[in-house]
Amino acid sequence: MNEHGKINYVEFASANIPATKNFFTAAFGWAFEDYGPDYTAFSNQGLDGGFYSAELSASAAKGSALIIFYSNELEKTQEQVLLAGGAITKEIFAFPGGRRFEFTEPAGNEFAVWSDI
Protein backbone atom coordinates (compact mmCIF):
# COMPACT_ATOMS: atom_id res chain seq x y z
CA MET A 1 0.00 0.00 0.00
CA ASN A 2 1.32 3.41 -0.90
CA GLU A 3 1.33 5.80 2.05
CA HIS A 4 1.53 9.57 1.82
CA GLY A 5 4.88 10.91 3.00
CA LYS A 6 6.54 7.48 3.35
CA ILE A 7 9.57 6.21 1.46
CA ASN A 8 8.10 4.25 -1.42
CA TYR A 9 10.84 3.33 -3.90
CA VAL A 10 14.62 3.42 -4.24
CA GLU A 11 16.77 3.52 -7.39
CA PHE A 12 20.44 2.64 -7.79
CA ALA A 13 22.88 3.15 -10.62
CA SER A 14 24.52 0.08 -12.14
CA ALA A 15 27.36 0.00 -14.63
CA ASN A 16 26.48 -3.65 -15.33
CA ILE A 17 22.79 -4.42 -14.91
CA PRO A 18 23.10 -8.14 -15.85
CA ALA A 19 25.84 -8.66 -13.22
CA THR A 20 23.82 -6.76 -10.61
CA LYS A 21 20.72 -8.87 -11.35
CA ASN A 22 22.72 -12.11 -11.22
CA PHE A 23 24.27 -11.10 -7.90
CA PHE A 24 21.02 -10.23 -6.12
CA THR A 25 19.28 -13.31 -7.52
CA ALA A 26 22.07 -15.62 -6.31
CA ALA A 27 22.75 -13.91 -2.96
CA PHE A 28 19.24 -12.98 -1.86
CA GLY A 29 16.78 -14.73 -4.20
CA TRP A 30 15.47 -11.54 -5.79
CA ALA A 31 13.45 -11.51 -9.01
CA PHE A 32 13.54 -8.67 -11.53
CA GLU A 33 11.32 -7.18 -14.20
CA ASP A 34 13.16 -5.50 -17.07
CA TYR A 35 11.95 -2.26 -18.62
CA GLY A 36 14.23 -2.19 -21.64
CA PRO A 37 18.00 -2.71 -21.56
CA ASP A 38 18.73 0.22 -19.23
CA TYR A 39 16.37 -0.42 -16.30
CA THR A 40 15.35 -3.34 -14.13
CA ALA A 41 13.01 -3.32 -11.14
CA PHE A 42 12.68 -5.44 -8.01
CA SER A 43 9.76 -5.70 -5.59
CA ASN A 44 8.81 -7.30 -2.29
CA GLN A 45 12.30 -6.90 -0.82
CA GLY A 46 11.29 -4.69 2.10
CA LEU A 47 11.22 -1.73 -0.28
CA ASP A 48 10.59 -1.78 -4.02
CA GLY A 49 13.14 -0.28 -6.35
CA GLY A 50 15.26 -0.62 -9.41
CA PHE A 51 18.64 -0.29 -11.08
CA TYR A 52 19.29 2.08 -13.98
CA SER A 53 22.23 1.98 -16.33
CA ALA A 54 24.94 4.50 -15.38
CA GLU A 55 28.67 4.55 -14.71
CA LEU A 56 28.06 5.40 -11.04
CA SER A 57 27.77 3.50 -7.77
CA ALA A 58 26.41 4.20 -4.29
CA SER A 59 28.94 4.46 -1.46
CA ALA A 60 28.53 5.86 2.05
CA ALA A 61 32.03 7.34 1.73
CA LYS A 62 30.72 9.43 -1.18
CA GLY A 63 27.67 10.58 0.79
CA SER A 64 25.16 7.95 -0.29
CA ALA A 65 22.72 6.40 2.14
CA LEU A 66 23.81 2.92 3.22
CA ILE A 67 21.07 0.35 2.61
CA ILE A 68 21.24 -2.36 5.28
CA PHE A 69 19.66 -5.82 4.99
CA TYR A 70 18.68 -7.97 7.97
CA SER A 71 19.79 -11.62 8.36
CA ASN A 72 18.89 -14.41 10.77
CA GLU A 73 22.19 -16.12 9.83
CA LEU A 74 24.88 -13.48 9.36
CA GLU A 75 27.78 -15.82 8.55
CA LYS A 76 25.68 -17.76 6.03
CA THR A 77 24.56 -14.52 4.37
CA GLN A 78 28.17 -13.35 4.15
CA GLU A 79 29.08 -16.63 2.47
CA GLN A 80 26.18 -16.23 -0.01
CA VAL A 81 27.35 -12.69 -0.83
CA LEU A 82 30.86 -13.97 -1.57
CA LEU A 83 29.64 -16.94 -3.64
CA ALA A 84 27.43 -14.62 -5.68
CA GLY A 85 30.42 -12.40 -6.59
CA GLY A 86 30.19 -9.69 -3.94
CA ALA A 87 33.25 -8.24 -2.22
CA ILE A 88 33.37 -7.84 1.56
CA THR A 89 34.53 -4.32 2.43
CA LYS A 90 34.17 -4.69 6.23
CA GLU A 91 34.27 -8.10 7.86
CA ILE A 92 31.68 -8.97 10.51
CA PHE A 93 32.01 -6.66 13.49
CA ALA A 94 30.02 -6.11 16.67
CA PHE A 95 28.24 -2.90 17.60
CA PRO A 96 25.80 -2.13 20.43
CA GLY A 97 22.71 -4.17 19.56
CA GLY A 98 24.16 -6.59 17.02
CA ARG A 99 26.74 -7.43 14.38
CA ARG A 100 27.12 -6.57 10.71
CA PHE A 101 29.31 -6.70 7.63
CA GLU A 102 29.53 -4.44 4.59
CA PHE A 103 29.96 -5.40 0.94
CA THR A 104 29.82 -4.22 -2.64
CA GLU A 105 27.94 -5.95 -5.41
CA PRO A 106 29.61 -6.44 -8.83
CA ALA A 107 28.69 -2.95 -10.11
CA GLY A 108 30.26 -1.34 -7.01
CA ASN A 109 27.18 -0.36 -4.98
CA GLU A 110 27.80 -0.63 -1.25
CA PHE A 111 25.40 -2.37 1.14
CA ALA A 112 25.50 -3.87 4.62
CA VAL A 113 23.87 -6.80 6.41
CA TRP A 114 23.16 -6.85 10.14
CA SER A 115 21.82 -9.28 12.71
CA ASP A 116 20.73 -8.93 16.32
CA ILE A 117 21.56 -12.59 16.98
Foldseek 3Di string as FASTA:
>chain_A
DDDPPDDAEDEWEFQDVVQQQQLCCQLPVWDWDDDPPFKIWTDPQVHTYIYGYDLDAADVVVPHDAAEAEDPDAVVSVVSNVVSPKAWPAPWDDDVQWIKTKIAGPRGYIYMYIYSD
